[in-house]
Amino acid sequence: IVSYLSGLMTLSPGDLIATGTPPGVGFARKPPVFLQPGDTCRLEITGLGQIENPVKEA
């Protein structure tokens, strides 16, 4: 993963690469729920910190 991504962009010390599907994802809900423009996506690692990014229209 690191090799592939570093071919697409410059990775710097401290960069996080998030993979996988956490519990409660929107696709598995009935009905499915997906991120929309204006939503906020937050990644948190206990003891390390968190990062938040706004969801914008492509």
Protein backbone atom coordinates (compact mmCIF):
# COMPACT_ATOMS: atom_id res chain seq x y z
CA ILE A 1 0.00 0.00 0.00
CA VAL A 2 2.78 2.42 0.93
CA SER A 3 4.66 1.68 -2.29
CA TYR A 4 1.55 2.18 -4.43
CA LEU A 5 0.54 5.43 -2.74
CA SER A 6 4.06 6.84 -2.85
CA GLY A 7 3.92 6.43 -6.62
CA LEU A 8 0.84 8.67 -6.70
CA MET A 9 1.83 11.30 -4.13
CA THR A 10 4.60 12.33 -1.80
CA LEU A 11 4.25 10.70 1.60
CA SER A 12 5.71 12.62 4.51
CA PRO A 13 6.64 11.54 8.04
CA GLY A 14 3.46 11.52 10.11
CA ASP A 15 1.10 10.79 7.20
CA LEU A 16 -1.67 8.31 8.03
CA ILE A 17 -2.97 5.70 5.63
CA ALA A 18 -6.42 4.50 6.72
CA THR A 19 -7.73 1.21 5.31
CA GLY A 20 -10.45 -1.24 6.13
CA THR A 21 -14.09 -0.94 7.01
CA PRO A 22 -15.06 -0.03 10.58
CA PRO A 23 -18.25 -1.35 12.18
CA GLY A 24 -21.45 0.55 11.45
CA VAL A 25 -20.57 1.57 7.91
CA GLY A 26 -23.36 3.14 5.88
CA PHE A 27 -23.45 0.50 3.14
CA ALA A 28 -24.55 -2.17 5.63
CA ARG A 29 -27.40 -0.08 7.04
CA LYS A 30 -30.99 -0.52 5.94
CA PRO A 31 -31.47 1.72 4.00
CA PRO A 32 -27.81 2.41 3.09
CA VAL A 33 -26.39 5.74 4.32
CA PHE A 34 -23.52 7.46 2.50
CA LEU A 35 -21.41 10.55 3.21
CA GLN A 36 -22.80 13.73 1.68
CA PRO A 37 -21.24 17.13 0.94
CA GLY A 38 -21.14 19.08 4.20
CA ASP A 39 -20.58 15.97 6.35
CA THR A 40 -17.38 15.62 8.37
CA CYS A 41 -15.20 12.50 8.30
CA ARG A 42 -13.22 11.98 11.52
CA LEU A 43 -10.41 9.48 12.11
CA GLU A 44 -9.33 8.93 15.71
CA ILE A 45 -6.60 6.74 17.17
CA THR A 46 -6.77 6.49 20.96
CA GLY A 47 -3.63 7.89 22.53
CA LEU A 48 -2.51 9.49 19.26
CA GLY A 49 -5.17 12.01 18.30
CA GLN A 50 -7.74 12.70 15.61
CA ILE A 51 -8.08 14.35 12.23
CA GLU A 52 -11.26 15.75 10.69
CA ASN A 53 -11.93 16.45 7.02
CA PRO A 54 -15.01 17.98 5.42
CA VAL A 55 -16.77 16.01 2.67
CA LYS A 56 -17.01 18.09 -0.51
CA GLU A 57 -18.73 17.46 -3.80
CA ALA A 58 -16.42 15.95 -6.43
